[in-house]
Amino acid sequence: MKKLLWLILLPHLVQAELISVELLCKGVEKIQNQEITEMIRIDGNTLVHKVHGNHFLEVTDNKISMLEMDGEKVGLSFDLNRNNGDIEIIRGWDKPYHFKGSCGVIRR
């Protein structure tokens, strides 16, 4: 019976793939008031960013987010609206950073 169950489930397990999306985000860095472009990759539920590093994300139907606290202050906050592409990134560690803008998909 176990062999029959494995034969039924195996094709579904083999075909599972990780969803990877690359985003191009344009907006304003609020602290220095500069227009900048951010390149972001999301692999499954992981944020992959060359400056901010790799972080696990909380994914819901409407948004993708992450909040890491540094004591009582925000260490790193990432919030992406899945409906309209609005994004906000806040970093409060050694080099404060606040980016707010809009994203579009470059590659799936």
PDB file of N, CA and C in Angstrom:
ATOM      1  N   MET A   1       0.817  -1.191   0.000  1.00  0.00           N
ATOM      2  CA  MET A   1       0.000   0.000   0.000  1.00  0.00           C
ATOM      3  C   MET A   1       0.871   1.270   0.000  1.00  0.00           C
ATOM      4  N   LYS A   2       1.976   1.238   0.774  1.00  0.00           N
ATOM      5  CA  LYS A   2       2.860   2.404   0.821  1.00  0.00           C
ATOM      6  C   LYS A   2       3.505   2.656  -0.541  1.00  0.00           C
ATOM      7  N   LYS A   3       3.857   1.603  -1.261  1.00  0.00           N
ATOM      8  CA  LYS A   3       4.464   1.762  -2.586  1.00  0.00           C
ATOM      9  C   LYS A   3       3.480   2.408  -3.551  1.00  0.00           C
ATOM     10  N   LEU A   4       2.213   2.046  -3.462  1.00  0.00           N
ATOM     11  CA  LEU A   4       1.192   2.638  -4.325  1.00  0.00           C
ATOM     12  C   LEU A   4       1.037   4.119  -4.022  1.00  0.00           C
ATOM     13  N   LEU A   5       1.046   4.479  -2.742  1.00  0.00           N
ATOM     14  CA  LEU A   5       0.938   5.882  -2.347  1.00  0.00           C
ATOM     15  C   LEU A   5       2.125   6.687  -2.879  1.00  0.00           C
ATOM     16  N   TRP A   6       3.353   6.141  -2.773  1.00  0.00           N
ATOM     17  CA  TRP A   6       4.537   6.823  -3.297  1.00  0.00           C
ATOM     18  C   TRP A   6       4.462   6.994  -4.810  1.00  0.00           C
ATOM     19  N   LEU A   7       3.962   5.996  -5.508  1.00  0.00           N
ATOM     20  CA  LEU A   7       3.832   6.102  -6.961  1.00  0.00           C
ATOM     21  C   LEU A   7       2.843   7.190  -7.363  1.00  0.00           C
ATOM     22  N   ILE A   8       1.827   7.388  -6.553  1.00  0.00           N
ATOM     23  CA  ILE A   8       0.842   8.437  -6.839  1.00  0.00           C
ATOM     24  C   ILE A   8       1.403   9.820  -6.513  1.00  0.00           C
ATOM     25  N   LEU A   9       2.117   9.957  -5.389  1.00  0.00           N
ATOM     26  CA  LEU A   9       2.613  11.255  -4.936  1.00  0.00           C
ATOM     27  C   LEU A   9       3.926  11.684  -5.580  1.00  0.00           C
ATOM     28  N   LEU A  10       4.757  10.779  -5.987  1.00  0.00           N
ATOM     29  CA  LEU A  10       6.087  11.101  -6.504  1.00  0.00           C
ATOM     30  C   LEU A  10       6.078  12.088  -7.670  1.00  0.00           C
ATOM     31  N   PRO A  11       5.238  11.931  -8.688  1.00  0.00           N
ATOM     32  CA  PRO A  11       5.264  12.920  -9.786  1.00  0.00           C
ATOM     33  C   PRO A  11       4.953  14.339  -9.325  1.00  0.00           C
ATOM     34  N   HIS A  12       4.098  14.499  -8.320  1.00  0.00           N
ATOM     35  CA  HIS A  12       3.770  15.829  -7.815  1.00  0.00           C
ATOM     36  C   HIS A  12       4.935  16.418  -7.026  1.00  0.00           C
ATOM     37  N   LEU A  13       5.663  15.610  -6.313  1.00  0.00           N
ATOM     38  CA  LEU A  13       6.807  16.091  -5.552  1.00  0.00           C
ATOM     39  C   LEU A  13       7.946  16.497  -6.474  1.00  0.00           C
ATOM     40  N   VAL A  14       8.144  15.793  -7.544  1.00  0.00           N
ATOM     41  CA  VAL A  14       9.225  16.072  -8.471  1.00  0.00           C
ATOM     42  C   VAL A  14       8.952  17.346  -9.269  1.00  0.00           C
ATOM     43  N   GLN A  15       7.701  17.650  -9.556  1.00  0.00           N
ATOM     44  CA  GLN A  15       7.359  18.803 -10.371  1.00  0.00           C
ATOM     45  C   GLN A  15       7.283  20.112  -9.594  1.00  0.00           C
ATOM     46  N   ALA A  16       7.386  20.066  -8.280  1.00  0.00           N
ATOM     47  CA  ALA A  16       7.339  21.288  -7.483  1.00  0.00           C
ATOM     48  C   ALA A  16       8.576  22.127  -7.789  1.00  0.00           C
ATOM     49  N   GLU A  17       8.375  23.427  -7.974  1.00  0.00           N
ATOM     50  CA  GLU A  17       9.499  24.301  -8.270  1.00  0.00           C
ATOM     51  C   GLU A  17       9.413  25.571  -7.445  1.00  0.00           C
ATOM     52  N   LEU A  18      10.541  26.176  -7.212  1.00  0.00           N
ATOM     53  CA  LEU A  18      10.629  27.407  -6.461  1.00  0.00           C
ATOM     54  C   LEU A  18      10.259  28.574  -7.374  1.00  0.00           C
ATOM     55  N   ILE A  19       9.380  29.433  -6.901  1.00  0.00           N
ATOM     56  CA  ILE A  19       8.997  30.606  -7.689  1.00  0.00           C
ATOM     57  C   ILE A  19      10.008  31.709  -7.405  1.00  0.00           C
ATOM     58  N   SER A  20      10.602  32.220  -8.449  1.00  0.00           N
ATOM     59  CA  SER A  20      11.591  33.280  -8.325  1.00  0.00           C
ATOM     60  C   SER A  20      11.147  34.472  -9.170  1.00  0.00           C
ATOM     61  N   VAL A  21      11.193  35.668  -8.573  1.00  0.00           N
ATOM     62  CA  VAL A  21      10.762  36.879  -9.262  1.00  0.00           C
ATOM     63  C   VAL A  21      11.825  37.946  -9.068  1.00  0.00           C
ATOM     64  N   GLU A  22      12.168  38.632 -10.149  1.00  0.00           N
ATOM     65  CA  GLU A  22      13.065  39.781 -10.064  1.00  0.00           C
ATOM     66  C   GLU A  22      12.241  41.042 -10.272  1.00  0.00           C
ATOM     67  N   LEU A  23      12.447  42.015  -9.377  1.00  0.00           N
ATOM     68  CA  LEU A  23      11.682  43.259  -9.414  1.00  0.00           C
ATOM     69  C   LEU A  23      12.598  44.445  -9.662  1.00  0.00           C
ATOM     70  N   LEU A  24      12.105  45.382 -10.441  1.00  0.00           N
ATOM     71  CA  LEU A  24      12.779  46.658 -10.642  1.00  0.00           C
ATOM     72  C   LEU A  24      11.906  47.702  -9.956  1.00  0.00           C
ATOM     73  N   CYS A  25      12.454  48.347  -8.927  1.00  0.00           N
ATOM     74  CA  CYS A  25      11.682  49.293  -8.126  1.00  0.00           C
ATOM     75  C   CYS A  25      12.276  50.686  -8.280  1.00  0.00           C
ATOM     76  N   LYS A  26      11.431  51.636  -8.628  1.00  0.00           N
ATOM     77  CA  LYS A  26      11.853  53.029  -8.773  1.00  0.00           C
ATOM     78  C   LYS A  26      11.143  53.849  -7.718  1.00  0.00           C
ATOM     79  N   GLY A  27      11.896  54.758  -7.088  1.00  0.00           N
ATOM     80  CA  GLY A  27      11.292  55.580  -6.051  1.00  0.00           C
ATOM     81  C   GLY A  27      12.284  56.575  -5.486  1.00  0.00           C
ATOM     82  N   VAL A  28      11.983  57.025  -4.266  1.00  0.00           N
ATOM     83  CA  VAL A  28      12.771  58.064  -3.620  1.00  0.00           C
ATOM     84  C   VAL A  28      13.363  57.528  -2.327  1.00  0.00           C
ATOM     85  N   GLU A  29      14.664  57.779  -2.142  1.00  0.00           N
ATOM     86  CA  GLU A  29      15.322  57.493  -0.880  1.00  0.00           C
ATOM     87  C   GLU A  29      15.058  58.712  -0.014  1.00  0.00           C
ATOM     88  N   LYS A  30      14.237  58.552   1.035  1.00  0.00           N
ATOM     89  CA  LYS A  30      13.674  59.684   1.785  1.00  0.00           C
ATOM     90  C   LYS A  30      14.698  60.473   2.600  1.00  0.00           C
ATOM     91  N   ILE A  31      15.741  59.839   3.123  1.00  0.00           N
ATOM     92  CA  ILE A  31      16.687  60.539   3.988  1.00  0.00           C
ATOM     93  C   ILE A  31      17.526  61.531   3.191  1.00  0.00           C
ATOM     94  N   GLN A  32      18.053  61.105   2.025  1.00  0.00           N
ATOM     95  CA  GLN A  32      18.862  61.999   1.195  1.00  0.00           C
ATOM     96  C   GLN A  32      18.045  62.636   0.081  1.00  0.00           C
ATOM     97  N   ASN A  33      16.771  62.278  -0.027  1.00  0.00           N
ATOM     98  CA  ASN A  33      15.845  62.818  -1.021  1.00  0.00           C
ATOM     99  C   ASN A  33      16.381  62.658  -2.446  1.00  0.00           C
ATOM    100  N   GLN A  34      16.791  61.427  -2.780  1.00  0.00           N
ATOM    101  CA  GLN A  34      17.312  61.122  -4.113  1.00  0.00           C
ATOM    102  C   GLN A  34      16.411  60.111  -4.794  1.00  0.00           C
ATOM    103  N   GLU A  35      16.230  60.266  -6.105  1.00  0.00           N
ATOM    104  CA  GLU A  35      15.524  59.244  -6.869  1.00  0.00           C
ATOM    105  C   GLU A  35      16.509  58.126  -7.172  1.00  0.00           C
ATOM    106  N   ILE A  36      16.112  56.881  -6.854  1.00  0.00           N
ATOM    107  CA  ILE A  36      16.988  55.731  -7.091  1.00  0.00           C
ATOM    108  C   ILE A  36      16.182  54.558  -7.622  1.00  0.00           C
ATOM    109  N   THR A  37      16.915  53.562  -8.102  1.00  0.00           N
ATOM    110  CA  THR A  37      16.321  52.323  -8.597  1.00  0.00           C
ATOM    111  C   THR A  37      16.870  51.166  -7.777  1.00  0.00           C
ATOM    112  N   GLU A  38      15.978  50.301  -7.305  1.00  0.00           N
ATOM    113  CA  GLU A  38      16.351  49.119  -6.521  1.00  0.00           C
ATOM    114  C   GLU A  38      16.089  47.870  -7.355  1.00  0.00           C
ATOM    115  N   MET A  39      17.029  46.944  -7.359  1.00  0.00           N
ATOM    116  CA  MET A  39      16.842  45.624  -7.968  1.00  0.00           C
ATOM    117  C   MET A  39      16.657  44.631  -6.825  1.00  0.00           C
ATOM    118  N   ILE A  40      15.518  43.936  -6.832  1.00  0.00           N
ATOM    119  CA  ILE A  40      15.190  43.008  -5.757  1.00  0.00           C
ATOM    120  C   ILE A  40      14.820  41.669  -6.363  1.00  0.00           C
ATOM    121  N   ARG A  41      15.280  40.592  -5.726  1.00  0.00           N
ATOM    122  CA  ARG A  41      14.883  39.250  -6.142  1.00  0.00           C
ATOM    123  C   ARG A  41      14.201  38.569  -4.966  1.00  0.00           C
ATOM    124  N   ILE A  42      13.094  37.910  -5.260  1.00  0.00           N
ATOM    125  CA  ILE A  42      12.381  37.136  -4.250  1.00  0.00           C
ATOM    126  C   ILE A  42      12.358  35.693  -4.725  1.00  0.00           C
ATOM    127  N   ASP A  43      13.012  34.817  -3.958  1.00  0.00           N
ATOM    128  CA  ASP A  43      13.045  33.379  -4.241  1.00  0.00           C
ATOM    129  C   ASP A  43      12.155  32.686  -3.219  1.00  0.00           C
ATOM    130  N   GLY A  44      10.982  32.238  -3.667  1.00  0.00           N
ATOM    131  CA  GLY A  44      10.038  31.604  -2.741  1.00  0.00           C
ATOM    132  C   GLY A  44       9.585  32.613  -1.715  1.00  0.00           C
ATOM    133  N   ASN A  45       9.981  32.431  -0.455  1.00  0.00           N
ATOM    134  CA  ASN A  45       9.647  33.394   0.590  1.00  0.00           C
ATOM    135  C   ASN A  45      10.906  34.061   1.150  1.00  0.00           C
ATOM    136  N   THR A  46      11.946  34.203   0.306  1.00  0.00           N
ATOM    137  CA  THR A  46      13.212  34.786   0.740  1.00  0.00           C
ATOM    138  C   THR A  46      13.547  36.021  -0.090  1.00  0.00           C
ATOM    139  N   LEU A  47      13.844  37.128   0.601  1.00  0.00           N
ATOM    140  CA  LEU A  47      14.315  38.346  -0.038  1.00  0.00           C
ATOM    141  C   LEU A  47      15.806  38.179  -0.293  1.00  0.00           C
ATOM    142  N   VAL A  48      16.228  38.422  -1.537  1.00  0.00           N
ATOM    143  CA  VAL A  48      17.645  38.356  -1.897  1.00  0.00           C
ATOM    144  C   VAL A  48      18.035  39.748  -2.390  1.00  0.00           C
ATOM    145  N   HIS A  49      18.890  40.440  -1.614  1.00  0.00           N
ATOM    146  CA  HIS A  49      19.262  41.817  -1.948  1.00  0.00           C
ATOM    147  C   HIS A  49      20.752  41.986  -1.712  1.00  0.00           C
ATOM    148  N   LYS A  50      21.443  42.663  -2.636  1.00  0.00           N
ATOM    149  CA  LYS A  50      22.897  42.770  -2.527  1.00  0.00           C
ATOM    150  C   LYS A  50      23.353  43.637  -1.358  1.00  0.00           C
ATOM    151  N   VAL A  51      22.557  44.597  -0.919  1.00  0.00           N
ATOM    152  CA  VAL A  51      22.937  45.454   0.196  1.00  0.00           C
ATOM    153  C   VAL A  51      22.327  44.965   1.508  1.00  0.00           C
ATOM    154  N   HIS A  52      21.035  44.649   1.492  1.00  0.00           N
ATOM    155  CA  HIS A  52      20.316  44.283   2.711  1.00  0.00           C
ATOM    156  C   HIS A  52      20.457  42.802   3.066  1.00  0.00           C
ATOM    157  N   GLY A  53      20.972  41.990   2.156  1.00  0.00           N
ATOM    158  CA  GLY A  53      21.203  40.578   2.439  1.00  0.00           C
ATOM    159  C   GLY A  53      19.993  39.705   2.159  1.00  0.00           C
ATOM    160  N   ASN A  54      20.002  38.497   2.703  1.00  0.00           N
ATOM    161  CA  ASN A  54      18.921  37.530   2.517  1.00  0.00           C
ATOM    162  C   ASN A  54      18.085  37.467   3.789  1.00  0.00           C
ATOM    163  N   HIS A  55      16.762  37.540   3.630  1.00  0.00           N
ATOM    164  CA  HIS A  55      15.859  37.518   4.784  1.00  0.00           C
ATOM    165  C   HIS A  55      14.607  36.735   4.421  1.00  0.00           C
ATOM    166  N   PHE A  56      14.070  35.985   5.394  1.00  0.00           N
ATOM    167  CA  PHE A  56      12.811  35.296   5.196  1.00  0.00           C
ATOM    168  C   PHE A  56      11.667  36.298   5.275  1.00  0.00           C
ATOM    169  N   LEU A  57      10.678  36.136   4.394  1.00  0.00           N
ATOM    170  CA  LEU A  57       9.557  37.058   4.301  1.00  0.00           C
ATOM    171  C   LEU A  57       8.264  36.395   4.733  1.00  0.00           C
ATOM    172  N   GLU A  58       7.340  37.208   5.217  1.00  0.00           N
ATOM    173  CA  GLU A  58       5.983  36.746   5.502  1.00  0.00           C
ATOM    174  C   GLU A  58       5.147  37.069   4.269  1.00  0.00           C
ATOM    175  N   VAL A  59       4.559  36.041   3.656  1.00  0.00           N
ATOM    176  CA  VAL A  59       3.821  36.210   2.406  1.00  0.00           C
ATOM    177  C   VAL A  59       2.336  35.951   2.659  1.00  0.00           C
ATOM    178  N   THR A  60       1.495  36.930   2.303  1.00  0.00           N
ATOM    179  CA  THR A  60       0.042  36.775   2.378  1.00  0.00           C
ATOM    180  C   THR A  60      -0.539  37.050   0.997  1.00  0.00           C
ATOM    181  N   ASP A  61      -1.856  37.004   0.881  1.00  0.00           N
ATOM    182  CA  ASP A  61      -2.501  37.271  -0.407  1.00  0.00           C
ATOM    183  C   ASP A  61      -2.273  38.693  -0.895  1.00  0.00           C
ATOM    184  N   ASN A  62      -2.166  39.656   0.025  1.00  0.00           N
ATOM    185  CA  ASN A  62      -2.084  41.061  -0.363  1.00  0.00           C
ATOM    186  C   ASN A  62      -0.709  41.694  -0.223  1.00  0.00           C
ATOM    187  N   LYS A  63       0.149  41.119   0.623  1.00  0.00           N
ATOM    188  CA  LYS A  63       1.453  41.768   0.798  1.00  0.00           C
ATOM    189  C   LYS A  63       2.547  40.778   1.163  1.00  0.00           C
ATOM    190  N   ILE A  64       3.765  41.246   0.952  1.00  0.00           N
ATOM    191  CA  ILE A  64       4.975  40.525   1.329  1.00  0.00           C
ATOM    192  C   ILE A  64       5.706  41.451   2.289  1.00  0.00           C
ATOM    193  N   SER A  65       6.035  40.954   3.482  1.00  0.00           N
ATOM    194  CA  SER A  65       6.626  41.855   4.461  1.00  0.00           C
ATOM    195  C   SER A  65       7.629  41.136   5.351  1.00  0.00           C
ATOM    196  N   MET A  66       8.397  41.958   6.067  1.00  0.00           N
ATOM    197  CA  MET A  66       9.367  41.466   7.021  1.00  0.00           C
ATOM    198  C   MET A  66       9.662  42.600   7.993  1.00  0.00           C
ATOM    199  N   LEU A  67       9.800  42.286   9.260  1.00  0.00           N
ATOM    200  CA  LEU A  67      10.145  43.293  10.254  1.00  0.00           C
ATOM    201  C   LEU A  67      11.158  42.682  11.210  1.00  0.00           C
ATOM    202  N   GLU A  68      12.312  43.324  11.305  1.00  0.00           N
ATOM    203  CA  GLU A  68      13.370  42.893  12.208  1.00  0.00           C
ATOM    204  C   GLU A  68      13.667  44.064  13.131  1.00  0.00           C
ATOM    205  N   MET A  69      13.501  43.841  14.412  1.00  0.00           N
ATOM    206  CA  MET A  69      13.693  44.923  15.377  1.00  0.00           C
ATOM    207  C   MET A  69      15.115  44.911  15.937  1.00  0.00           C
ATOM    208  N   ASP A  70      15.616  46.101  16.243  1.00  0.00           N
ATOM    209  CA  ASP A  70      16.906  46.287  16.895  1.00  0.00           C
ATOM    210  C   ASP A  70      16.619  46.968  18.230  1.00  0.00           C
ATOM    211  N   GLY A  71      16.296  46.175  19.232  1.00  0.00           N
ATOM    212  CA  GLY A  71      15.845  46.740  20.501  1.00  0.00           C
ATOM    213  C   GLY A  71      14.441  47.296  20.314  1.00  0.00           C
ATOM    214  N   GLU A  72      14.282  48.591  20.531  1.00  0.00           N
ATOM    215  CA  GLU A  72      12.984  49.232  20.337  1.00  0.00           C
ATOM    216  C   GLU A  72      12.872  49.898  18.973  1.00  0.00           C
ATOM    217  N   LYS A  73      13.975  49.965  18.223  1.00  0.00           N
ATOM    218  CA  LYS A  73      13.975  50.593  16.902  1.00  0.00           C
ATOM    219  C   LYS A  73      13.830  49.531  15.817  1.00  0.00           C
ATOM    220  N   VAL A  74      13.423  49.980  14.638  1.00  0.00           N
ATOM    221  CA  VAL A  74      13.348  49.092  13.482  1.00  0.00           C
ATOM    222  C   VAL A  74      14.756  48.839  12.986  1.00  0.00           C
ATOM    223  N   GLY A  75      15.137  47.561  12.874  1.00  0.00           N
ATOM    224  CA  GLY A  75      16.426  47.205  12.300  1.00  0.00           C
ATOM    225  C   GLY A  75      16.310  47.180  10.786  1.00  0.00           C
ATOM    226  N   LEU A  76      15.323  46.406  10.284  1.00  0.00           N
ATOM    227  CA  LEU A  76      15.054  46.339   8.860  1.00  0.00           C
ATOM    228  C   LEU A  76      13.576  46.025   8.659  1.00  0.00           C
ATOM    229  N   SER A  77      12.926  46.803   7.833  1.00  0.00           N
ATOM    230  CA  SER A  77      11.521  46.601   7.515  1.00  0.00           C
ATOM    231  C   SER A  77      11.364  46.576   6.003  1.00  0.00           C
ATOM    232  N   PHE A  78      10.629  45.591   5.503  1.00  0.00           N
ATOM    233  CA  PHE A  78      10.382  45.438   4.071  1.00  0.00           C
ATOM    234  C   PHE A  78       8.891  45.216   3.901  1.00  0.00           C
ATOM    235  N   ASP A  79       8.231  46.024   3.075  1.00  0.00           N
ATOM    236  CA  ASP A  79       6.795  45.915   2.875  1.00  0.00           C
ATOM    237  C   ASP A  79       6.488  46.131   1.390  1.00  0.00           C
ATOM    238  N   LEU A  80       5.933  45.106   0.739  1.00  0.00           N
ATOM    239  CA  LEU A  80       5.611  45.156  -0.691  1.00  0.00           C
ATOM    240  C   LEU A  80       4.150  44.791  -0.875  1.00  0.00           C
ATOM    241  N   ASN A  81       3.380  45.688  -1.472  1.00  0.00           N
ATOM    242  CA  ASN A  81       1.975  45.443  -1.765  1.00  0.00           C
ATOM    243  C   ASN A  81       1.891  44.619  -3.042  1.00  0.00           C
ATOM    244  N   ARG A  82       1.268  43.443  -2.973  1.00  0.00           N
ATOM    245  CA  ARG A  82       1.202  42.553  -4.138  1.00  0.00           C
ATOM    246  C   ARG A  82       0.179  43.015  -5.170  1.00  0.00           C
ATOM    247  N   ASN A  83      -0.744  43.884  -4.789  1.00  0.00           N
ATOM    248  CA  ASN A  83      -1.779  44.343  -5.719  1.00  0.00           C
ATOM    249  C   ASN A  83      -1.314  45.481  -6.614  1.00  0.00           C
ATOM    250  N   ASN A  84      -0.627  46.480  -6.038  1.00  0.00           N
ATOM    251  CA  ASN A  84      -0.241  47.634  -6.850  1.00  0.00           C
ATOM    252  C   ASN A  84       1.270  47.840  -6.969  1.00  0.00           C
ATOM    253  N   GLY A  85       2.086  47.026  -6.300  1.00  0.00           N
ATOM    254  CA  GLY A  85       3.540  47.105  -6.436  1.00  0.00           C
ATOM    255  C   GLY A  85       4.218  48.143  -5.572  1.00  0.00           C
ATOM    256  N   ASP A  86       3.481  48.822  -4.691  1.00  0.00           N
ATOM    257  CA  ASP A  86       4.105  49.813  -3.812  1.00  0.00           C
ATOM    258  C   ASP A  86       5.044  49.115  -2.833  1.00  0.00           C
ATOM    259  N   ILE A  87       6.203  49.745  -2.610  1.00  0.00           N
ATOM    260  CA  ILE A  87       7.213  49.144  -1.740  1.00  0.00           C
ATOM    261  C   ILE A  87       7.758  50.191  -0.782  1.00  0.00           C
ATOM    262  N   GLU A  88       8.146  49.714   0.419  1.00  0.00           N
ATOM    263  CA  GLU A  88       8.820  50.570   1.391  1.00  0.00           C
ATOM    264  C   GLU A  88       9.874  49.729   2.108  1.00  0.00           C
ATOM    265  N   ILE A  89      11.106  50.225   2.117  1.00  0.00           N
ATOM    266  CA  ILE A  89      12.213  49.562   2.809  1.00  0.00           C
ATOM    267  C   ILE A  89      12.781  50.557   3.813  1.00  0.00           C
ATOM    268  N   ILE A  90      12.879  50.128   5.070  1.00  0.00           N
ATOM    269  CA  ILE A  90      13.456  50.976   6.117  1.00  0.00           C
ATOM    270  C   ILE A  90      14.568  50.187   6.801  1.00  0.00           C
ATOM    271  N   ARG A  91      15.737  50.796   6.860  1.00  0.00           N
ATOM    272  CA  ARG A  91      16.845  50.190   7.603  1.00  0.00           C
ATOM    273  C   ARG A  91      17.277  51.192   8.668  1.00  0.00           C
ATOM    274  N   GLY A  92      17.329  50.743   9.915  1.00  0.00           N
ATOM    275  CA  GLY A  92      17.662  51.640  11.011  1.00  0.00           C
ATOM    276  C   GLY A  92      19.004  51.361  11.651  1.00  0.00           C
ATOM    277  N   TRP A  93      19.756  50.396  11.115  1.00  0.00           N
ATOM    278  CA  TRP A  93      21.044  50.073  11.709  1.00  0.00           C
ATOM    279  C   TRP A  93      22.062  51.170  11.411  1.00  0.00           C
ATOM    280  N   ASP A  94      23.345  50.843  11.379  1.00  0.00           N
ATOM    281  CA  ASP A  94      24.439  51.807  11.273  1.00  0.00           C
ATOM    282  C   ASP A  94      24.275  52.856  10.176  1.00  0.00           C
ATOM    283  N   LYS A  95      23.733  52.506   9.026  1.00  0.00           N
ATOM    284  CA  LYS A  95      23.525  53.464   7.939  1.00  0.00           C
ATOM    285  C   LYS A  95      22.022  53.550   7.654  1.00  0.00           C
ATOM    286  N   PRO A  96      21.312  54.502   8.283  1.00  0.00           N
ATOM    287  CA  PRO A  96      19.860  54.589   8.086  1.00  0.00           C
ATOM    288  C   PRO A  96      19.493  54.772   6.615  1.00  0.00           C
ATOM    289  N   TYR A  97      18.378  54.158   6.236  1.00  0.00           N
ATOM    290  CA  TYR A  97      17.950  54.138   4.841  1.00  0.00           C
ATOM    291  C   TYR A  97      16.433  54.017   4.817  1.00  0.00           C
ATOM    292  N   HIS A  98      15.766  54.808   3.963  1.00  0.00           N
ATOM    293  CA  HIS A  98      14.312  54.743   3.832  1.00  0.00           C
ATOM    294  C   HIS A  98      13.959  54.934   2.360  1.00  0.00           C
ATOM    295  N   PHE A  99      13.508  53.864   1.720  1.00  0.00           N
ATOM    296  CA  PHE A  99      13.148  53.883   0.301  1.00  0.00           C
ATOM    297  C   PHE A  99      11.656  53.659   0.174  1.00  0.00           C
ATOM    298  N   LYS A 100      11.013  54.475  -0.654  1.00  0.00           N
ATOM    299  CA  LYS A 100       9.589  54.316  -0.924  1.00  0.00           C
ATOM    300  C   LYS A 100       9.383  54.501  -2.414  1.00  0.00           C
ATOM    301  N   GLY A 101       8.696  53.516  -3.045  1.00  0.00           N
ATOM    302  CA  GLY A 101       8.504  53.591  -4.483  1.00  0.00           C
ATOM    303  C   GLY A 101       7.526  52.562  -4.988  1.00  0.00           C
ATOM    304  N   SER A 102       7.697  52.198  -6.261  1.00  0.00           N
ATOM    305  CA  SER A 102       6.798  51.253  -6.926  1.00  0.00           C
ATOM    306  C   SER A 102       7.641  50.276  -7.725  1.00  0.00           C
ATOM    307  N   CYS A 103       7.196  48.990  -7.753  1.00  0.00           N
ATOM    308  CA  CYS A 103       7.946  47.918  -8.403  1.00  0.00           C
ATOM    309  C   CYS A 103       7.197  47.328  -9.588  1.00  0.00           C
ATOM    310  N   GLY A 104       7.967  46.813 -10.519  1.00  0.00           N
ATOM    311  CA  GLY A 104       7.444  46.048 -11.641  1.00  0.00           C
ATOM    312  C   GLY A 104       8.273  44.796 -11.828  1.00  0.00           C
ATOM    313  N   VAL A 105       7.648  43.755 -12.354  1.00  0.00           N
ATOM    314  CA  VAL A 105       8.333  42.480 -12.540  1.00  0.00           C
ATOM    315  C   VAL A 105       9.196  42.540 -13.802  1.00  0.00           C
ATOM    316  N   ILE A 106      10.484  42.161 -13.672  1.00  0.00           N
ATOM    317  CA  ILE A 106      11.364  42.093 -14.842  1.00  0.00           C
ATOM    318  C   ILE A 106      11.396  40.661 -15.360  1.00  0.00           C
ATOM    319  N   ARG A 107      11.515  39.696 -14.434  1.00  0.00           N
ATOM    320  CA  ARG A 107      11.650  38.293 -14.842  1.00  0.00           C
ATOM    321  C   ARG A 107      10.982  37.405 -13.819  1.00  0.00           C
ATOM    322  N   ARG A 108      10.290  36.395 -14.332  1.00  0.00           N
ATOM    323  CA  ARG A 108       9.685  35.370 -13.458  1.00  0.00           C
ATOM    324  C   ARG A 108      10.434  34.090 -13.622  1.00  0.00           C
TER     325      ARG A 108
END
